N, C-alpha and C. Protein backbone atom coordinates (compact mmCIF):
# COMPACT_ATOMS: atom_id res chain seq x y z
N UNK A 1 32.99 -177.25 143.15
CA UNK A 1 32.60 -175.91 144.44
C UNK A 1 31.53 -175.75 144.32
N UNK A 2 31.15 -175.23 145.57
CA UNK A 2 29.77 -174.99 146.17
C UNK A 2 29.93 -174.35 147.45
N UNK A 3 28.59 -174.01 147.42
CA UNK A 3 28.35 -172.29 148.47
C UNK A 3 27.22 -173.62 149.35
N UNK A 4 27.45 -173.75 150.88
CA UNK A 4 26.63 -174.12 152.09
C UNK A 4 26.43 -173.83 152.96
N UNK A 5 25.38 -173.31 153.44
CA UNK A 5 25.05 -173.16 155.18
C UNK A 5 24.69 -174.01 155.74
N UNK A 6 25.52 -174.56 156.87
CA UNK A 6 25.15 -175.67 157.57
C UNK A 6 24.07 -175.83 159.61
N UNK A 7 23.75 -176.64 159.43
CA UNK A 7 22.20 -176.19 160.34
C UNK A 7 22.63 -175.85 161.65
N UNK A 8 21.96 -174.50 162.13
CA UNK A 8 22.48 -174.66 163.53
C UNK A 8 23.59 -173.42 163.24
N UNK A 9 23.78 -172.76 162.49
CA UNK A 9 24.58 -171.23 162.11
C UNK A 9 24.21 -170.35 160.94
N UNK A 10 23.96 -169.36 160.93
CA UNK A 10 23.54 -168.67 159.61
C UNK A 10 24.92 -168.10 158.56
N UNK A 11 26.35 -169.00 158.98
CA UNK A 11 27.07 -168.59 157.81
C UNK A 11 27.36 -169.46 156.18
N UNK A 12 27.92 -168.82 155.47
CA UNK A 12 27.07 -169.33 153.78
C UNK A 12 29.02 -169.72 154.30
N UNK A 13 29.63 -170.88 153.95
CA UNK A 13 30.76 -171.12 153.22
C UNK A 13 31.26 -171.84 152.18
N UNK A 14 32.16 -171.32 151.44
CA UNK A 14 32.51 -171.70 150.09
C UNK A 14 33.46 -172.84 150.25
N UNK A 15 33.18 -174.05 149.50
CA UNK A 15 34.21 -175.27 149.63
C UNK A 15 34.67 -175.12 147.92
N UNK A 16 35.64 -175.67 148.27
CA UNK A 16 36.22 -176.41 147.08
C UNK A 16 37.15 -177.71 147.20
N UNK A 17 36.21 -178.41 146.12
CA UNK A 17 36.89 -179.90 146.43
C UNK A 17 36.79 -180.89 145.68
N UNK A 18 38.13 -181.87 145.95
CA UNK A 18 38.45 -183.05 144.81
C UNK A 18 38.75 -184.35 145.71
N UNK A 19 38.39 -184.89 144.47
CA UNK A 19 37.95 -186.34 145.36
C UNK A 19 38.26 -186.66 146.55
N UNK A 20 36.63 -186.09 147.23
CA UNK A 20 36.90 -185.84 148.80
C UNK A 20 37.87 -185.32 149.80
N UNK A 21 38.19 -184.39 148.62
CA UNK A 21 39.48 -183.72 150.10
C UNK A 21 39.02 -181.94 149.66
N UNK A 22 38.44 -181.46 150.61
CA UNK A 22 38.28 -179.93 150.12
C UNK A 22 39.06 -178.69 151.05
N UNK A 23 38.54 -177.59 150.48
CA UNK A 23 39.15 -176.08 150.57
C UNK A 23 38.50 -175.35 151.20
N UNK A 24 37.72 -175.24 152.46
CA UNK A 24 36.82 -174.83 153.15
C UNK A 24 37.01 -173.55 153.47
N UNK A 25 36.41 -172.69 152.65
CA UNK A 25 36.38 -171.19 153.06
C UNK A 25 35.29 -170.65 154.10
N UNK A 26 35.56 -170.80 154.97
CA UNK A 26 33.94 -170.37 156.41
C UNK A 26 33.58 -168.73 156.17
N UNK A 27 32.60 -169.07 156.68
CA UNK A 27 31.61 -167.38 156.80
C UNK A 27 32.30 -166.11 155.80
N UNK A 28 31.44 -166.81 154.50
CA UNK A 28 31.93 -165.40 153.58
C UNK A 28 30.97 -164.85 153.47
N UNK A 29 29.78 -164.95 154.28
CA UNK A 29 28.24 -164.12 154.20
C UNK A 29 27.78 -165.10 155.32
N UNK A 30 26.81 -164.12 156.04
CA UNK A 30 25.96 -164.16 157.05
C UNK A 30 24.34 -164.14 156.44
N UNK A 31 24.04 -165.33 156.25
CA UNK A 31 22.40 -165.33 155.91
C UNK A 31 21.17 -164.42 157.07
N UNK A 32 20.21 -164.34 156.22
CA UNK A 32 18.74 -164.27 157.38
C UNK A 32 17.60 -164.79 156.14
N UNK A 33 17.09 -164.63 157.42
CA UNK A 33 15.11 -164.78 157.43
C UNK A 33 15.09 -163.83 155.92
N UNK A 34 14.22 -164.09 154.88
CA UNK A 34 14.01 -163.56 154.16
C UNK A 34 14.85 -162.58 153.42
N UNK A 35 16.33 -163.01 153.24
CA UNK A 35 17.02 -162.21 152.48
C UNK A 35 17.88 -162.11 151.38
N UNK A 36 17.60 -162.13 150.03
CA UNK A 36 18.12 -162.84 148.89
C UNK A 36 19.67 -162.17 149.26
N UNK A 37 20.44 -163.41 148.72
CA UNK A 37 21.97 -163.10 148.97
C UNK A 37 22.13 -163.48 147.05
N UNK A 38 23.02 -163.51 146.41
CA UNK A 38 23.83 -163.16 145.04
C UNK A 38 25.05 -163.80 145.79
N UNK A 39 25.43 -165.42 145.37
CA UNK A 39 26.98 -166.05 145.91
C UNK A 39 27.02 -166.25 144.11
N UNK A 40 28.40 -165.93 143.96
CA UNK A 40 28.68 -166.04 143.00
C UNK A 40 30.84 -167.01 142.67
N UNK A 41 30.68 -168.27 142.32
CA UNK A 41 31.81 -168.29 141.82
C UNK A 41 32.58 -168.16 140.21
N UNK A 42 34.20 -168.03 140.07
CA UNK A 42 34.06 -168.15 138.76
C UNK A 42 35.65 -169.03 139.04
N UNK A 43 36.52 -169.72 138.12
CA UNK A 43 37.82 -169.85 137.61
C UNK A 43 38.50 -168.51 136.94
N UNK A 44 39.66 -168.43 137.33
CA UNK A 44 40.38 -167.70 136.10
C UNK A 44 41.65 -168.50 135.43
N UNK A 45 41.45 -169.19 134.79
CA UNK A 45 42.34 -169.94 133.91
C UNK A 45 43.80 -169.02 133.67
N UNK A 46 43.82 -168.01 133.48
CA UNK A 46 44.90 -167.28 133.75
C UNK A 46 45.37 -166.78 134.63
N UNK A 47 45.55 -167.18 135.62
CA UNK A 47 45.86 -166.25 137.10
C UNK A 47 45.76 -168.10 137.91
N UNK A 48 45.72 -169.17 137.40
CA UNK A 48 45.65 -170.36 138.42
C UNK A 48 44.59 -170.10 139.56
N UNK A 49 43.16 -169.07 139.89
CA UNK A 49 42.53 -169.11 140.83
C UNK A 49 41.51 -169.12 140.74
N UNK A 50 40.76 -169.44 142.03
CA UNK A 50 39.01 -169.66 141.85
C UNK A 50 39.08 -168.81 142.96
N UNK A 51 37.85 -168.19 142.79
CA UNK A 51 37.60 -166.39 143.39
C UNK A 51 35.83 -167.16 143.42
N UNK A 52 35.47 -165.97 144.79
CA UNK A 52 34.33 -166.39 145.24
C UNK A 52 33.63 -164.73 145.48
N UNK A 53 32.10 -164.36 145.22
CA UNK A 53 31.81 -162.82 145.65
C UNK A 53 30.33 -163.47 146.25
N UNK A 54 29.96 -162.60 146.96
CA UNK A 54 28.74 -162.34 147.55
C UNK A 54 28.25 -160.67 147.27
N UNK A 55 27.03 -160.71 146.55
CA UNK A 55 26.15 -159.42 146.40
C UNK A 55 27.39 -158.70 145.43
N UNK A 56 27.66 -159.22 144.61
CA UNK A 56 28.43 -158.71 143.18
C UNK A 56 30.01 -157.80 144.37
N UNK A 57 30.08 -157.83 145.24
CA UNK A 57 31.59 -157.74 145.98
C UNK A 57 32.93 -157.84 144.84
N UNK A 58 33.64 -156.89 145.44
CA UNK A 58 35.25 -157.27 145.43
C UNK A 58 35.46 -158.62 145.11
N UNK A 59 35.42 -159.58 143.73
CA UNK A 59 36.50 -161.31 143.94
C UNK A 59 37.85 -161.41 145.19
N UNK A 60 37.33 -162.64 145.97
CA UNK A 60 38.10 -162.54 146.53
C UNK A 60 38.78 -164.23 145.99
N UNK A 61 40.13 -164.21 146.05
CA UNK A 61 40.45 -165.55 145.65
C UNK A 61 40.82 -166.28 146.70
N UNK A 62 40.68 -167.71 147.03
CA UNK A 62 40.75 -168.55 147.60
C UNK A 62 42.05 -169.56 146.86
N UNK A 63 42.39 -170.67 147.33
CA UNK A 63 43.60 -171.84 147.17
C UNK A 63 42.30 -172.80 146.07
N UNK A 64 43.62 -172.68 144.86
CA UNK A 64 42.72 -173.62 144.35
C UNK A 64 43.18 -175.13 144.48
N UNK A 65 43.77 -175.62 145.05
CA UNK A 65 44.73 -176.24 145.19
C UNK A 65 43.78 -178.13 145.39
N UNK A 66 42.92 -177.69 145.14
CA UNK A 66 41.67 -179.13 145.57
C UNK A 66 40.33 -178.66 144.49
N UNK A 67 40.76 -178.00 143.23
CA UNK A 67 40.03 -177.60 142.18
C UNK A 67 39.89 -179.19 141.29
N UNK A 68 38.58 -179.24 140.90
CA UNK A 68 38.57 -180.40 139.95
C UNK A 68 38.78 -180.14 138.80
N UNK A 69 39.40 -181.49 138.68
CA UNK A 69 40.33 -180.99 136.95
C UNK A 69 39.83 -182.51 136.26
N UNK A 70 39.69 -183.89 136.84
CA UNK A 70 39.49 -184.54 136.42
C UNK A 70 37.85 -185.93 136.99
N UNK A 71 37.13 -184.69 137.00
CA UNK A 71 35.53 -184.98 137.26
C UNK A 71 34.58 -184.75 136.30
N UNK A 72 33.19 -185.35 136.19
CA UNK A 72 32.44 -184.73 136.10
C UNK A 72 31.51 -184.08 136.76
N UNK A 73 31.24 -182.99 136.28
CA UNK A 73 30.16 -182.03 136.70
C UNK A 73 29.19 -181.65 136.39
N UNK A 74 28.46 -181.20 137.72
CA UNK A 74 27.14 -180.96 137.02
C UNK A 74 26.68 -179.97 137.88
N UNK A 75 25.50 -179.01 137.25
CA UNK A 75 24.84 -177.80 138.60
C UNK A 75 24.28 -178.59 139.43
N UNK A 76 23.62 -178.82 140.47
CA UNK A 76 22.88 -178.95 141.62
C UNK A 76 22.38 -178.18 143.25
N UNK A 77 21.24 -178.13 143.47
CA UNK A 77 20.36 -177.13 144.18
C UNK A 77 20.09 -178.09 144.44
N UNK A 78 20.20 -178.18 146.56
CA UNK A 78 19.73 -178.97 147.55
C UNK A 78 19.60 -177.95 148.60
N UNK A 79 18.31 -178.79 149.37
CA UNK A 79 18.13 -178.43 150.58
C UNK A 79 18.28 -179.17 152.13
N UNK A 80 18.48 -179.41 153.09
CA UNK A 80 18.05 -180.71 153.68
C UNK A 80 17.51 -180.07 154.90
N UNK A 81 16.52 -179.96 155.12
CA UNK A 81 16.04 -179.83 156.96
C UNK A 81 17.57 -180.19 157.86
N UNK A 82 17.78 -179.76 158.78
CA UNK A 82 18.23 -180.41 159.59
C UNK A 82 17.46 -180.70 160.87
N UNK A 83 16.13 -179.84 160.61
CA UNK A 83 15.25 -179.85 162.00
C UNK A 83 13.81 -180.13 161.26
N UNK A 84 13.14 -180.91 162.60
CA UNK A 84 11.43 -181.05 162.15
C UNK A 84 10.62 -179.73 161.44
N UNK A 85 11.21 -178.39 161.57
CA UNK A 85 11.20 -177.46 161.50
C UNK A 85 10.95 -176.78 159.84
N UNK A 86 9.74 -176.39 159.44
CA UNK A 86 9.35 -176.55 158.01
C UNK A 86 11.01 -175.40 157.08
N UNK A 87 11.02 -175.86 156.31
CA UNK A 87 12.81 -174.89 155.62
C UNK A 87 12.42 -175.13 154.40
N UNK A 88 12.79 -173.54 153.69
CA UNK A 88 12.88 -172.97 152.16
C UNK A 88 14.16 -172.68 151.71
N UNK A 89 13.88 -172.69 150.60
CA UNK A 89 15.04 -172.24 149.69
C UNK A 89 14.48 -171.43 148.49
N UNK A 90 14.64 -170.53 148.29
CA UNK A 90 14.53 -169.76 146.82
C UNK A 90 15.33 -169.76 146.13
N UNK A 91 15.82 -169.70 144.75
CA UNK A 91 16.61 -169.77 144.05
C UNK A 91 15.71 -168.87 142.87
N UNK A 92 16.54 -167.70 142.41
CA UNK A 92 15.39 -166.81 141.41
C UNK A 92 15.76 -167.01 140.14
N UNK A 93 17.65 -167.03 140.17
CA UNK A 93 18.30 -168.07 138.69
C UNK A 93 19.73 -168.38 139.16
N UNK A 94 20.22 -169.60 138.18
CA UNK A 94 21.22 -169.87 137.82
C UNK A 94 21.66 -169.73 136.73
N UNK A 95 23.15 -169.25 136.35
CA UNK A 95 23.65 -168.25 136.10
C UNK A 95 25.10 -169.64 135.11
N UNK A 96 25.59 -170.01 134.60
CA UNK A 96 26.57 -171.03 133.81
C UNK A 96 27.16 -170.68 132.84
N UNK A 97 27.99 -170.01 132.55
CA UNK A 97 29.36 -169.86 131.18
C UNK A 97 30.43 -170.39 131.38
N UNK A 98 30.23 -170.97 130.30
CA UNK A 98 32.09 -171.19 129.99
C UNK A 98 32.78 -170.01 128.74
N UNK A 99 33.78 -169.48 129.07
CA UNK A 99 34.80 -168.71 127.65
C UNK A 99 35.58 -169.72 126.96
N UNK A 100 35.15 -170.08 125.32
CA UNK A 100 36.14 -170.43 124.84
C UNK A 100 36.87 -169.49 123.63
């Protein structure tokens, strides 16, 4: 599960992917230069749902059809410049929790 911003647009997308098959929710937010965005996702096992939230707004449920269930997962941050211009990503914090 991840957020991505494609080169050439200002949309932040949310993707749930399993075995190379993804469910993408396009344009969950619009990003702008020098603007911080808080992007959150979580799984509610009691409801069999995946949710995302932007800037602490009310969570939005998405299809969990492609929720990873037997893959080894890790937290990853990445940036790729799609042009010869300088690109930057500032990450203030990353938080990961599991309820036991």
